[in-house]
Amino acid sequence: MQVSLFSFGFKHGYPQADLVWDVRFLPNPYWDDQLKAFTGKDPRVAAYALDNPAGTEFFSLITPLLTFLVSQYTTGGREALTLAIGCTGGKHRSVATAERLKGVLQGLGCEVDLFHRDIEKE
């Protein structure tokens, strides 16, 4: 399965994707003055957004869902899937989530192309 995985910011518009997940429920590093200038690729930002009860539960739920979906799509003959992960601006939470999801998807045997559509936008 070839997966195109996008992070994006809702304030910049929705991308075209097969599945879109909203991660605006995660803690927002934008409001921390020490993290605001960095992106979700920074380990400190990723930890802030994901290493908490909400982030832990999200990944505990999304991992089996993705396992199921990839299996079903593959069995159905689908060769490609586009996933989009959105937060407010597309710089922190969605980037950190997409980076971590890339590893999950690769663990399922998927080939993953990761794009951070809005990471440079303000």
PDB file of N, CA and C in Angstrom:
ATOM      1  N   MET A   1       0.853  -1.184   0.000  1.00  0.00           N
ATOM      2  CA  MET A   1       0.000   0.000   0.000  1.00  0.00           C
ATOM      3  C   MET A   1       0.895   1.242   0.000  1.00  0.00           C
ATOM      4  N   GLN A   2       0.650   2.120  -0.927  1.00  0.00           N
ATOM      5  CA  GLN A   2       1.349   3.407  -0.993  1.00  0.00           C
ATOM      6  C   GLN A   2       0.486   4.451  -0.276  1.00  0.00           C
ATOM      7  N   VAL A   3       1.030   5.076   0.750  1.00  0.00           N
ATOM      8  CA  VAL A   3       0.284   6.062   1.525  1.00  0.00           C
ATOM      9  C   VAL A   3       0.921   7.433   1.345  1.00  0.00           C
ATOM     10  N   SER A   4       0.101   8.398   0.977  1.00  0.00           N
ATOM     11  CA  SER A   4       0.502   9.803   0.987  1.00  0.00           C
ATOM     12  C   SER A   4      -0.077  10.393   2.257  1.00  0.00           C
ATOM     13  N   LEU A   5       0.783  10.872   3.123  1.00  0.00           N
ATOM     14  CA  LEU A   5       0.392  11.384   4.430  1.00  0.00           C
ATOM     15  C   LEU A   5       0.704  12.877   4.481  1.00  0.00           C
ATOM     16  N   PHE A   6      -0.317  13.677   4.783  1.00  0.00           N
ATOM     17  CA  PHE A   6      -0.179  15.127   4.805  1.00  0.00           C
ATOM     18  C   PHE A   6      -0.497  15.669   6.188  1.00  0.00           C
ATOM     19  N   SER A   7       0.296  16.626   6.649  1.00  0.00           N
ATOM     20  CA  SER A   7      -0.121  17.464   7.765  1.00  0.00           C
ATOM     21  C   SER A   7      -0.592  18.777   7.144  1.00  0.00           C
ATOM     22  N   PHE A   8      -1.538  19.433   7.805  1.00  0.00           N
ATOM     23  CA  PHE A   8      -2.070  20.690   7.269  1.00  0.00           C
ATOM     24  C   PHE A   8      -2.700  21.499   8.384  1.00  0.00           C
ATOM     25  N   GLY A   9      -2.969  22.762   8.090  1.00  0.00           N
ATOM     26  CA  GLY A   9      -3.672  23.638   9.017  1.00  0.00           C
ATOM     27  C   GLY A   9      -5.063  23.941   8.498  1.00  0.00           C
ATOM     28  N   PHE A  10      -6.062  23.750   9.338  1.00  0.00           N
ATOM     29  CA  PHE A  10      -7.444  24.010   8.930  1.00  0.00           C
ATOM     30  C   PHE A  10      -7.638  25.454   8.484  1.00  0.00           C
ATOM     31  N   LYS A  11      -6.895  26.389   9.083  1.00  0.00           N
ATOM     32  CA  LYS A  11      -7.077  27.792   8.702  1.00  0.00           C
ATOM     33  C   LYS A  11      -6.579  28.077   7.288  1.00  0.00           C
ATOM     34  N   HIS A  12      -5.871  27.115   6.686  1.00  0.00           N
ATOM     35  CA  HIS A  12      -5.383  27.266   5.313  1.00  0.00           C
ATOM     36  C   HIS A  12      -6.204  26.439   4.328  1.00  0.00           C
ATOM     37  N   GLY A  13      -7.295  25.834   4.785  1.00  0.00           N
ATOM     38  CA  GLY A  13      -8.176  25.060   3.922  1.00  0.00           C
ATOM     39  C   GLY A  13      -7.918  23.566   4.004  1.00  0.00           C
ATOM     40  N   TYR A  14      -8.940  22.830   3.638  1.00  0.00           N
ATOM     41  CA  TYR A  14      -8.878  21.370   3.670  1.00  0.00           C
ATOM     42  C   TYR A  14      -8.149  20.824   2.450  1.00  0.00           C
ATOM     43  N   PRO A  15      -7.328  19.799   2.646  1.00  0.00           N
ATOM     44  CA  PRO A  15      -6.711  19.136   1.488  1.00  0.00           C
ATOM     45  C   PRO A  15      -7.661  18.073   0.935  1.00  0.00           C
ATOM     46  N   GLN A  16      -7.418  17.649  -0.264  1.00  0.00           N
ATOM     47  CA  GLN A  16      -8.166  16.523  -0.817  1.00  0.00           C
ATOM     48  C   GLN A  16      -7.497  15.254  -0.309  1.00  0.00           C
ATOM     49  N   ALA A  17      -8.253  14.405   0.368  1.00  0.00           N
ATOM     50  CA  ALA A  17      -7.693  13.187   0.955  1.00  0.00           C
ATOM     51  C   ALA A  17      -8.796  12.148   1.106  1.00  0.00           C
ATOM     52  N   ASP A  18      -8.397  10.890   1.206  1.00  0.00           N
ATOM     53  CA  ASP A  18      -9.358   9.824   1.463  1.00  0.00           C
ATOM     54  C   ASP A  18      -9.861   9.877   2.898  1.00  0.00           C
ATOM     55  N   LEU A  19      -8.963  10.180   3.825  1.00  0.00           N
ATOM     56  CA  LEU A  19      -9.306  10.262   5.242  1.00  0.00           C
ATOM     57  C   LEU A  19      -8.671  11.510   5.829  1.00  0.00           C
ATOM     58  N   VAL A  20      -9.438  12.250   6.631  1.00  0.00           N
ATOM     59  CA  VAL A  20      -8.942  13.459   7.285  1.00  0.00           C
ATOM     60  C   VAL A  20      -9.205  13.325   8.781  1.00  0.00           C
ATOM     61  N   TRP A  21      -8.145  13.531   9.582  1.00  0.00           N
ATOM     62  CA  TRP A  21      -8.296  13.517  11.030  1.00  0.00           C
ATOM     63  C   TRP A  21      -7.920  14.873  11.598  1.00  0.00           C
ATOM     64  N   ASP A  22      -8.718  15.306  12.558  1.00  0.00           N
ATOM     65  CA  ASP A  22      -8.547  16.586  13.228  1.00  0.00           C
ATOM     66  C   ASP A  22      -7.877  16.329  14.583  1.00  0.00           C
ATOM     67  N   VAL A  23      -6.685  16.900  14.797  1.00  0.00           N
ATOM     68  CA  VAL A  23      -5.982  16.684  16.065  1.00  0.00           C
ATOM     69  C   VAL A  23      -5.937  17.961  16.913  1.00  0.00           C
ATOM     70  N   ARG A  24      -6.901  18.855  16.711  1.00  0.00           N
ATOM     71  CA  ARG A  24      -6.946  20.081  17.503  1.00  0.00           C
ATOM     72  C   ARG A  24      -7.316  19.831  18.957  1.00  0.00           C
ATOM     73  N   PHE A  25      -7.651  18.610  19.324  1.00  0.00           N
ATOM     74  CA  PHE A  25      -7.916  18.266  20.724  1.00  0.00           C
ATOM     75  C   PHE A  25      -6.630  18.084  21.528  1.00  0.00           C
ATOM     76  N   LEU A  26      -5.494  17.926  20.838  1.00  0.00           N
ATOM     77  CA  LEU A  26      -4.209  17.746  21.520  1.00  0.00           C
ATOM     78  C   LEU A  26      -3.706  19.075  22.096  1.00  0.00           C
ATOM     79  N   PRO A  27      -2.909  19.035  23.154  1.00  0.00           N
ATOM     80  CA  PRO A  27      -2.334  20.271  23.694  1.00  0.00           C
ATOM     81  C   PRO A  27      -1.555  21.019  22.610  1.00  0.00           C
ATOM     82  N   ASN A  28      -1.726  22.342  22.589  1.00  0.00           N
ATOM     83  CA  ASN A  28      -1.166  23.155  21.510  1.00  0.00           C
ATOM     84  C   ASN A  28       0.139  23.847  21.925  1.00  0.00           C
ATOM     85  N   PRO A  29       1.262  23.428  21.347  1.00  0.00           N
ATOM     86  CA  PRO A  29       2.555  24.055  21.659  1.00  0.00           C
ATOM     87  C   PRO A  29       2.634  25.524  21.251  1.00  0.00           C
ATOM     88  N   TYR A  30       1.732  25.968  20.414  1.00  0.00           N
ATOM     89  CA  TYR A  30       1.701  27.370  19.994  1.00  0.00           C
ATOM     90  C   TYR A  30       1.607  28.307  21.199  1.00  0.00           C
ATOM     91  N   TRP A  31       0.930  27.858  22.248  1.00  0.00           N
ATOM     92  CA  TRP A  31       0.699  28.716  23.409  1.00  0.00           C
ATOM     93  C   TRP A  31       1.832  28.667  24.426  1.00  0.00           C
ATOM     94  N   ASP A  32       2.861  27.893  24.135  1.00  0.00           N
ATOM     95  CA  ASP A  32       4.044  27.838  25.006  1.00  0.00           C
ATOM     96  C   ASP A  32       5.138  28.679  24.340  1.00  0.00           C
ATOM     97  N   ASP A  33       5.522  29.780  24.957  1.00  0.00           N
ATOM     98  CA  ASP A  33       6.494  30.700  24.348  1.00  0.00           C
ATOM     99  C   ASP A  33       7.824  30.032  24.014  1.00  0.00           C
ATOM    100  N   GLN A  34       8.203  28.993  24.746  1.00  0.00           N
ATOM    101  CA  GLN A  34       9.466  28.306  24.483  1.00  0.00           C
ATOM    102  C   GLN A  34       9.376  27.349  23.296  1.00  0.00           C
ATOM    103  N   LEU A  35       8.163  27.007  22.864  1.00  0.00           N
ATOM    104  CA  LEU A  35       7.977  26.039  21.779  1.00  0.00           C
ATOM    105  C   LEU A  35       7.364  26.638  20.517  1.00  0.00           C
ATOM    106  N   LYS A  36       6.723  27.766  20.656  1.00  0.00           N
ATOM    107  CA  LYS A  36       5.957  28.363  19.566  1.00  0.00           C
ATOM    108  C   LYS A  36       6.742  28.481  18.259  1.00  0.00           C
ATOM    109  N   ALA A  37       8.004  28.838  18.331  1.00  0.00           N
ATOM    110  CA  ALA A  37       8.801  29.091  17.120  1.00  0.00           C
ATOM    111  C   ALA A  37       9.235  27.816  16.409  1.00  0.00           C
ATOM    112  N   PHE A  38       9.095  26.674  17.069  1.00  0.00           N
ATOM    113  CA  PHE A  38       9.548  25.413  16.487  1.00  0.00           C
ATOM    114  C   PHE A  38       8.381  24.687  15.826  1.00  0.00           C
ATOM    115  N   THR A  39       8.673  23.622  15.118  1.00  0.00           N
ATOM    116  CA  THR A  39       7.624  22.833  14.463  1.00  0.00           C
ATOM    117  C   THR A  39       7.455  21.495  15.164  1.00  0.00           C
ATOM    118  N   GLY A  40       6.490  20.742  14.723  1.00  0.00           N
ATOM    119  CA  GLY A  40       6.238  19.413  15.264  1.00  0.00           C
ATOM    120  C   GLY A  40       7.336  18.415  14.971  1.00  0.00           C
ATOM    121  N   LYS A  41       8.317  18.796  14.151  1.00  0.00           N
ATOM    122  CA  LYS A  41       9.474  17.930  13.926  1.00  0.00           C
ATOM    123  C   LYS A  41      10.446  17.983  15.100  1.00  0.00           C
ATOM    124  N   ASP A  42      10.380  19.036  15.884  1.00  0.00           N
ATOM    125  CA  ASP A  42      11.237  19.183  17.057  1.00  0.00           C
ATOM    126  C   ASP A  42      10.751  18.213  18.140  1.00  0.00           C
ATOM    127  N   PRO A  43      11.643  17.423  18.718  1.00  0.00           N
ATOM    128  CA  PRO A  43      11.230  16.438  19.730  1.00  0.00           C
ATOM    129  C   PRO A  43      10.506  17.049  20.924  1.00  0.00           C
ATOM    130  N   ARG A  44      10.868  18.275  21.315  1.00  0.00           N
ATOM    131  CA  ARG A  44      10.199  18.919  22.455  1.00  0.00           C
ATOM    132  C   ARG A  44       8.752  19.265  22.121  1.00  0.00           C
ATOM    133  N   VAL A  45       8.529  19.724  20.900  1.00  0.00           N
ATOM    134  CA  VAL A  45       7.168  20.058  20.453  1.00  0.00           C
ATOM    135  C   VAL A  45       6.346  18.784  20.341  1.00  0.00           C
ATOM    136  N   ALA A  46       6.934  17.752  19.746  1.00  0.00           N
ATOM    137  CA  ALA A  46       6.228  16.477  19.608  1.00  0.00           C
ATOM    138  C   ALA A  46       5.855  15.911  20.974  1.00  0.00           C
ATOM    139  N   ALA A  47       6.771  15.970  21.916  1.00  0.00           N
ATOM    140  CA  ALA A  47       6.490  15.465  23.265  1.00  0.00           C
ATOM    141  C   ALA A  47       5.356  16.251  23.915  1.00  0.00           C
ATOM    142  N   TYR A  48       5.380  17.567  23.774  1.00  0.00           N
ATOM    143  CA  TYR A  48       4.338  18.416  24.351  1.00  0.00           C
ATOM    144  C   TYR A  48       2.963  18.041  23.788  1.00  0.00           C
ATOM    145  N   ALA A  49       2.901  17.853  22.475  1.00  0.00           N
ATOM    146  CA  ALA A  49       1.625  17.587  21.812  1.00  0.00           C
ATOM    147  C   ALA A  49       1.142  16.151  21.988  1.00  0.00           C
ATOM    148  N   LEU A  50       2.075  15.195  22.029  1.00  0.00           N
ATOM    149  CA  LEU A  50       1.675  13.786  21.936  1.00  0.00           C
ATOM    150  C   LEU A  50       1.878  12.962  23.194  1.00  0.00           C
ATOM    151  N   ASP A  51       2.830  13.328  24.029  1.00  0.00           N
ATOM    152  CA  ASP A  51       3.135  12.505  25.196  1.00  0.00           C
ATOM    153  C   ASP A  51       2.327  12.968  26.404  1.00  0.00           C
ATOM    154  N   ASN A  52       1.041  12.729  26.323  1.00  0.00           N
ATOM    155  CA  ASN A  52       0.080  13.108  27.345  1.00  0.00           C
ATOM    156  C   ASN A  52      -1.101  12.144  27.228  1.00  0.00           C
ATOM    157  N   PRO A  53      -2.039  12.155  28.145  1.00  0.00           N
ATOM    158  CA  PRO A  53      -3.139  11.185  28.072  1.00  0.00           C
ATOM    159  C   PRO A  53      -3.925  11.218  26.748  1.00  0.00           C
ATOM    160  N   ALA A  54      -4.211  12.405  26.230  1.00  0.00           N
ATOM    161  CA  ALA A  54      -4.978  12.478  24.976  1.00  0.00           C
ATOM    162  C   ALA A  54      -4.184  11.909  23.805  1.00  0.00           C
ATOM    163  N   GLY A  55      -2.912  12.250  23.709  1.00  0.00           N
ATOM    164  CA  GLY A  55      -2.073  11.743  22.628  1.00  0.00           C
ATOM    165  C   GLY A  55      -1.879  10.239  22.724  1.00  0.00           C
ATOM    166  N   THR A  56      -1.646   9.762  23.934  1.00  0.00           N
ATOM    167  CA  THR A  56      -1.467   8.325  24.141  1.00  0.00           C
ATOM    168  C   THR A  56      -2.724   7.556  23.753  1.00  0.00           C
ATOM    169  N   GLU A  57      -3.881   8.042  24.171  1.00  0.00           N
ATOM    170  CA  GLU A  57      -5.127   7.353  23.832  1.00  0.00           C
ATOM    171  C   GLU A  57      -5.409   7.430  22.331  1.00  0.00           C
ATOM    172  N   PHE A  58      -5.146   8.577  21.717  1.00  0.00           N
ATOM    173  CA  PHE A  58      -5.342   8.710  20.268  1.00  0.00           C
ATOM    174  C   PHE A  58      -4.555   7.632  19.523  1.00  0.00           C
ATOM    175  N   PHE A  59      -3.284   7.478  19.847  1.00  0.00           N
ATOM    176  CA  PHE A  59      -2.470   6.479  19.150  1.00  0.00           C
ATOM    177  C   PHE A  59      -2.877   5.050  19.500  1.00  0.00           C
ATOM    178  N   SER A  60      -3.374   4.838  20.719  1.00  0.00           N
ATOM    179  CA  SER A  60      -3.846   3.492  21.066  1.00  0.00           C
ATOM    180  C   SER A  60      -5.106   3.135  20.289  1.00  0.00           C
ATOM    181  N   LEU A  61      -5.864   4.134  19.870  1.00  0.00           N
ATOM    182  CA  LEU A  61      -7.080   3.895  19.083  1.00  0.00           C
ATOM    183  C   LEU A  61      -6.817   3.892  17.579  1.00  0.00           C
ATOM    184  N   ILE A  62      -5.973   4.802  17.121  1.00  0.00           N
ATOM    185  CA  ILE A  62      -5.763   4.934  15.683  1.00  0.00           C
ATOM    186  C   ILE A  62      -4.902   3.808  15.106  1.00  0.00           C
ATOM    187  N   THR A  63      -4.023   3.243  15.914  1.00  0.00           N
ATOM    188  CA  THR A  63      -3.159   2.170  15.409  1.00  0.00           C
ATOM    189  C   THR A  63      -3.973   0.940  14.985  1.00  0.00           C
ATOM    190  N   PRO A  64      -4.881   0.430  15.815  1.00  0.00           N
ATOM    191  CA  PRO A  64      -5.681  -0.703  15.339  1.00  0.00           C
ATOM    192  C   PRO A  64      -6.637  -0.313  14.204  1.00  0.00           C
ATOM    193  N   LEU A  65      -7.123   0.925  14.216  1.00  0.00           N
ATOM    194  CA  LEU A  65      -7.986   1.369  13.117  1.00  0.00           C
ATOM    195  C   LEU A  65      -7.212   1.373  11.801  1.00  0.00           C
ATOM    196  N   LEU A  66      -6.012   1.915  11.806  1.00  0.00           N
ATOM    197  CA  LEU A  66      -5.195   1.915  10.589  1.00  0.00           C
ATOM    198  C   LEU A  66      -4.823   0.496  10.161  1.00  0.00           C
ATOM    199  N   THR A  67      -4.545  -0.367  11.125  1.00  0.00           N
ATOM    200  CA  THR A  67      -4.258  -1.765  10.808  1.00  0.00           C
ATOM    201  C   THR A  67      -5.438  -2.378  10.065  1.00  0.00           C
ATOM    202  N   PHE A  68      -6.634  -2.160  10.577  1.00  0.00           N
ATOM    203  CA  PHE A  68      -7.855  -2.660   9.945  1.00  0.00           C
ATOM    204  C   PHE A  68      -8.051  -2.058   8.559  1.00  0.00           C
ATOM    205  N   LEU A  69      -7.965  -0.740   8.466  1.00  0.00           N
ATOM    206  CA  LEU A  69      -8.228  -0.067   7.189  1.00  0.00           C
ATOM    207  C   LEU A  69      -7.227  -0.462   6.108  1.00  0.00           C
ATOM    208  N   VAL A  70      -5.951  -0.484   6.439  1.00  0.00           N
ATOM    209  CA  VAL A  70      -4.932  -0.861   5.451  1.00  0.00           C
ATOM    210  C   VAL A  70      -5.196  -2.286   4.964  1.00  0.00           C
ATOM    211  N   SER A  71      -5.519  -3.174   5.878  1.00  0.00           N
ATOM    212  CA  SER A  71      -5.815  -4.557   5.502  1.00  0.00           C
ATOM    213  C   SER A  71      -7.032  -4.636   4.581  1.00  0.00           C
ATOM    214  N   GLN A  72      -8.079  -3.913   4.935  1.00  0.00           N
ATOM    215  CA  GLN A  72      -9.308  -3.945   4.137  1.00  0.00           C
ATOM    216  C   GLN A  72      -9.111  -3.324   2.762  1.00  0.00           C
ATOM    217  N   TYR A  73      -8.439  -2.197   2.732  1.00  0.00           N
ATOM    218  CA  TYR A  73      -8.189  -1.541   1.441  1.00  0.00           C
ATOM    219  C   TYR A  73      -7.305  -2.420   0.554  1.00  0.00           C
ATOM    220  N   THR A  74      -6.295  -3.046   1.146  1.00  0.00           N
ATOM    221  CA  THR A  74      -5.397  -3.918   0.378  1.00  0.00           C
ATOM    222  C   THR A  74      -6.162  -5.127  -0.157  1.00  0.00           C
ATOM    223  N   THR A  75      -6.973  -5.743   0.698  1.00  0.00           N
ATOM    224  CA  THR A  75      -7.778  -6.886   0.277  1.00  0.00           C
ATOM    225  C   THR A  75      -8.741  -6.498  -0.845  1.00  0.00           C
ATOM    226  N   GLY A  76      -9.223  -5.289  -0.801  1.00  0.00           N
ATOM    227  CA  GLY A  76     -10.142  -4.791  -1.821  1.00  0.00           C
ATOM    228  C   GLY A  76      -9.460  -4.358  -3.105  1.00  0.00           C
ATOM    229  N   GLY A  77      -8.141  -4.485  -3.152  1.00  0.00           N
ATOM    230  CA  GLY A  77      -7.411  -4.162  -4.373  1.00  0.00           C
ATOM    231  C   GLY A  77      -6.927  -2.723  -4.471  1.00  0.00           C
ATOM    232  N   ARG A  78      -7.089  -1.996  -3.414  1.00  0.00           N
ATOM    233  CA  ARG A  78      -6.632  -0.604  -3.437  1.00  0.00           C
ATOM    234  C   ARG A  78      -5.125  -0.554  -3.247  1.00  0.00           C
ATOM    235  N   GLU A  79      -4.460   0.245  -4.046  1.00  0.00           N
ATOM    236  CA  GLU A  79      -2.997   0.311  -3.981  1.00  0.00           C
ATOM    237  C   GLU A  79      -2.476   1.586  -3.341  1.00  0.00           C
ATOM    238  N   ALA A  80      -3.344   2.587  -3.193  1.00  0.00           N
ATOM    239  CA  ALA A  80      -2.895   3.879  -2.659  1.00  0.00           C
ATOM    240  C   ALA A  80      -3.962   4.474  -1.754  1.00  0.00           C
ATOM    241  N   LEU A  81      -3.492   5.257  -0.800  1.00  0.00           N
ATOM    242  CA  LEU A  81      -4.364   5.902   0.174  1.00  0.00           C
ATOM    243  C   LEU A  81      -3.760   7.253   0.528  1.00  0.00           C
ATOM    244  N   THR A  82      -4.611   8.255   0.661  1.00  0.00           N
ATOM    245  CA  THR A  82      -4.154   9.582   1.081  1.00  0.00           C
ATOM    246  C   THR A  82      -4.792   9.916   2.421  1.00  0.00           C
ATOM    247  N   LEU A  83      -3.936  10.200   3.406  1.00  0.00           N
ATOM    248  CA  LEU A  83      -4.380  10.569   4.746  1.00  0.00           C
ATOM    249  C   LEU A  83      -3.935  11.992   5.041  1.00  0.00           C
ATOM    250  N   ALA A  84      -4.799  12.753   5.698  1.00  0.00           N
ATOM    251  CA  ALA A  84      -4.452  14.121   6.073  1.00  0.00           C
ATOM    252  C   ALA A  84      -4.739  14.315   7.558  1.00  0.00           C
ATOM    253  N   ILE A  85      -3.793  14.942   8.249  1.00  0.00           N
ATOM    254  CA  ILE A  85      -3.888  15.204   9.679  1.00  0.00           C
ATOM    255  C   ILE A  85      -3.864  16.712   9.858  1.00  0.00           C
ATOM    256  N   GLY A  86      -4.919  17.263  10.461  1.00  0.00           N
ATOM    257  CA  GLY A  86      -5.016  18.710  10.578  1.00  0.00           C
ATOM    258  C   GLY A  86      -5.048  19.226  11.993  1.00  0.00           C
ATOM    259  N   CYS A  87      -4.421  20.393  12.171  1.00  0.00           N
ATOM    260  CA  CYS A  87      -4.542  21.171  13.400  1.00  0.00           C
ATOM    261  C   CYS A  87      -4.881  22.597  12.973  1.00  0.00           C
ATOM    262  N   THR A  88      -4.745  23.550  13.822  1.00  0.00           N
ATOM    263  CA  THR A  88      -5.150  24.908  13.486  1.00  0.00           C
ATOM    264  C   THR A  88      -4.287  25.506  12.381  1.00  0.00           C
ATOM    265  N   GLY A  89      -2.967  25.552  12.606  1.00  0.00           N
ATOM    266  CA  GLY A  89      -2.090  26.217  11.646  1.00  0.00           C
ATOM    267  C   GLY A  89      -1.247  25.290  10.785  1.00  0.00           C
ATOM    268  N   GLY A  90      -1.154  24.025  11.167  1.00  0.00           N
ATOM    269  CA  GLY A  90      -0.384  23.076  10.384  1.00  0.00           C
ATOM    270  C   GLY A  90       1.108  23.089  10.660  1.00  0.00           C
ATOM    271  N   LYS A  91       1.479  23.554  11.839  1.00  0.00           N
ATOM    272  CA  LYS A  91       2.897  23.691  12.157  1.00  0.00           C
ATOM    273  C   LYS A  91       3.343  22.810  13.330  1.00  0.00           C
ATOM    274  N   HIS A  92       2.456  22.552  14.262  1.00  0.00           N
ATOM    275  CA  HIS A  92       2.856  21.859  15.487  1.00  0.00           C
ATOM    276  C   HIS A  92       2.225  20.470  15.621  1.00  0.00           C
ATOM    277  N   ARG A  93       0.949  20.441  16.045  1.00  0.00           N
ATOM    278  CA  ARG A  93       0.296  19.174  16.384  1.00  0.00           C
ATOM    279  C   ARG A  93       0.137  18.241  15.194  1.00  0.00           C
ATOM    280  N   SER A  94      -0.301  18.770  14.061  1.00  0.00           N
ATOM    281  CA  SER A  94      -0.496  17.901  12.893  1.00  0.00           C
ATOM    282  C   SER A  94       0.840  17.364  12.383  1.00  0.00           C
ATOM    283  N   VAL A  95       1.870  18.174  12.440  1.00  0.00           N
ATOM    284  CA  VAL A  95       3.202  17.735  11.993  1.00  0.00           C
ATOM    285  C   VAL A  95       3.714  16.621  12.899  1.00  0.00           C
ATOM    286  N   ALA A  96       3.641  16.832  14.217  1.00  0.00           N
ATOM    287  CA  ALA A  96       4.105  15.810  15.161  1.00  0.00           C
ATOM    288  C   ALA A  96       3.317  14.516  14.989  1.00  0.00           C
ATOM    289  N   THR A  97       2.016  14.634  14.820  1.00  0.00           N
ATOM    290  CA  THR A  97       1.168  13.452  14.649  1.00  0.00           C
ATOM    291  C   THR A  97       1.499  12.719  13.360  1.00  0.00           C
ATOM    292  N   ALA A  98       1.641  13.456  12.271  1.00  0.00           N
ATOM    293  CA  ALA A  98       1.958  12.828  10.986  1.00  0.00           C
ATOM    294  C   ALA A  98       3.315  12.137  11.031  1.00  0.00           C
ATOM    295  N   GLU A  99       4.284  12.766  11.680  1.00  0.00           N
ATOM    296  CA  GLU A  99       5.606  12.155  11.799  1.00  0.00           C
ATOM    297  C   GLU A  99       5.508  10.818  12.533  1.00  0.00           C
ATOM    298  N   ARG A 100       4.747  10.781  13.613  1.00  0.00           N
ATOM    299  CA  ARG A 100       4.607   9.536  14.373  1.00  0.00           C
ATOM    300  C   ARG A 100       3.776   8.511  13.600  1.00  0.00           C
ATOM    301  N   LEU A 101       2.737   8.968  12.906  1.00  0.00           N
ATOM    302  CA  LEU A 101       1.915   8.050  12.117  1.00  0.00           C
ATOM    303  C   LEU A 101       2.702   7.420  10.970  1.00  0.00           C
ATOM    304  N   LYS A 102       3.671   8.136  10.451  1.00  0.00           N
ATOM    305  CA  LYS A 102       4.509   7.570   9.401  1.00  0.00           C
ATOM    306  C   LYS A 102       5.138   6.262   9.882  1.00  0.00           C
ATOM    307  N   GLY A 103       5.655   6.261  11.094  1.00  0.00           N
ATOM    308  CA  GLY A 103       6.251   5.049  11.658  1.00  0.00           C
ATOM    309  C   GLY A 103       5.231   3.935  11.850  1.00  0.00           C
ATOM    310  N   VAL A 104       4.033   4.301  12.285  1.00  0.00           N
ATOM    311  CA  VAL A 104       2.969   3.303  12.447  1.00  0.00           C
ATOM    312  C   VAL A 104       2.647   2.652  11.106  1.00  0.00           C
ATOM    313  N   LEU A 105       2.472   3.481  10.094  1.00  0.00           N
ATOM    314  CA  LEU A 105       2.125   2.972   8.767  1.00  0.00           C
ATOM    315  C   LEU A 105       3.256   2.136   8.170  1.00  0.00           C
ATOM    316  N   GLN A 106       4.486   2.563   8.356  1.00  0.00           N
ATOM    317  CA  GLN A 106       5.613   1.769   7.869  1.00  0.00           C
ATOM    318  C   GLN A 106       5.663   0.423   8.583  1.00  0.00           C
ATOM    319  N   GLY A 107       5.298   0.407   9.846  1.00  0.00           N
ATOM    320  CA  GLY A 107       5.234  -0.839  10.598  1.00  0.00           C
ATOM    321  C   GLY A 107       4.176  -1.795  10.070  1.00  0.00           C
ATOM    322  N   LEU A 108       3.196  -1.256   9.358  1.00  0.00           N
ATOM    323  CA  LEU A 108       2.157  -2.074   8.728  1.00  0.00           C
ATOM    324  C   LEU A 108       2.552  -2.505   7.322  1.00  0.00           C
ATOM    325  N   GLY A 109       3.766  -2.142   6.912  1.00  0.00           N
ATOM    326  CA  GLY A 109       4.245  -2.528   5.594  1.00  0.00           C
ATOM    327  C   GLY A 109       3.922  -1.542   4.491  1.00  0.00           C
ATOM    328  N   CYS A 110       3.446  -0.370   4.850  1.00  0.00           N
ATOM    329  CA  CYS A 110       3.108   0.651   3.852  1.00  0.00           C
ATOM    330  C   CYS A 110       4.351   1.424   3.424  1.00  0.00           C
ATOM    331  N   GLU A 111       4.347   1.853   2.178  1.00  0.00           N
ATOM    332  CA  GLU A 111       5.332   2.823   1.708  1.00  0.00           C
ATOM    333  C   GLU A 111       4.698   4.192   1.929  1.00  0.00           C
ATOM    334  N   VAL A 112       5.398   5.069   2.633  1.00  0.00           N
ATOM    335  CA  VAL A 112       4.798   6.335   3.051  1.00  0.00           C
ATOM    336  C   VAL A 112       5.582   7.517   2.501  1.00  0.00           C
ATOM    337  N   ASP A 113       4.854   8.416   1.836  1.00  0.00           N
ATOM    338  CA  ASP A 113       5.388   9.718   1.450  1.00  0.00           C
ATOM    339  C   ASP A 113       4.741  10.732   2.379  1.00  0.00           C
ATOM    340  N   LEU A 114       5.560  11.487   3.102  1.00  0.00           N
ATOM    341  CA  LEU A 114       5.070  12.439   4.094  1.00  0.00           C
ATOM    342  C   LEU A 114       5.284  13.862   3.603  1.00  0.00           C
ATOM    343  N   PHE A 115       4.212  14.666   3.673  1.00  0.00           N
ATOM    344  CA  PHE A 115       4.251  16.058   3.233  1.00  0.00           C
ATOM    345  C   PHE A 115       3.686  16.935   4.349  1.00  0.00           C
ATOM    346  N   HIS A 116       4.383  18.024   4.645  1.00  0.00           N
ATOM    347  CA  HIS A 116       3.900  18.997   5.631  1.00  0.00           C
ATOM    348  C   HIS A 116       3.493  20.253   4.856  1.00  0.00           C
ATOM    349  N   ARG A 117       2.252  20.278   4.440  1.00  0.00           N
ATOM    350  CA  ARG A 117       1.773  21.308   3.517  1.00  0.00           C
ATOM    351  C   ARG A 117       1.941  22.729   4.042  1.00  0.00           C
ATOM    352  N   ASP A 118       1.632  22.943   5.311  1.00  0.00           N
ATOM    353  CA  ASP A 118       1.558  24.312   5.823  1.00  0.00           C
ATOM    354  C   ASP A 118       2.618  24.641   6.874  1.00  0.00           C
ATOM    355  N   ILE A 119       3.636  23.840   6.986  1.00  0.00           N
ATOM    356  CA  ILE A 119       4.615  23.971   8.063  1.00  0.00           C
ATOM    357  C   ILE A 119       5.334  25.332   8.042  1.00  0.00           C
ATOM    358  N   GLU A 120       5.480  25.940   6.893  1.00  0.00           N
ATOM    359  CA  GLU A 120       6.186  27.218   6.771  1.00  0.00           C
ATOM    360  C   GLU A 120       5.253  28.423   6.847  1.00  0.00           C
ATOM    361  N   LYS A 121       3.956  28.200   6.902  1.00  0.00           N
ATOM    362  CA  LYS A 121       2.995  29.303   6.924  1.00  0.00           C
ATOM    363  C   LYS A 121       2.812  29.840   8.335  1.00  0.00           C
ATOM    364  N   GLU A 122       2.422  31.082   8.416  1.00  0.00           N
ATOM    365  CA  GLU A 122       2.114  31.693   9.729  1.00  0.00           C
ATOM    366  C   GLU A 122       0.642  31.707   9.964  1.00  0.00           C
TER     367      GLU A 122
END
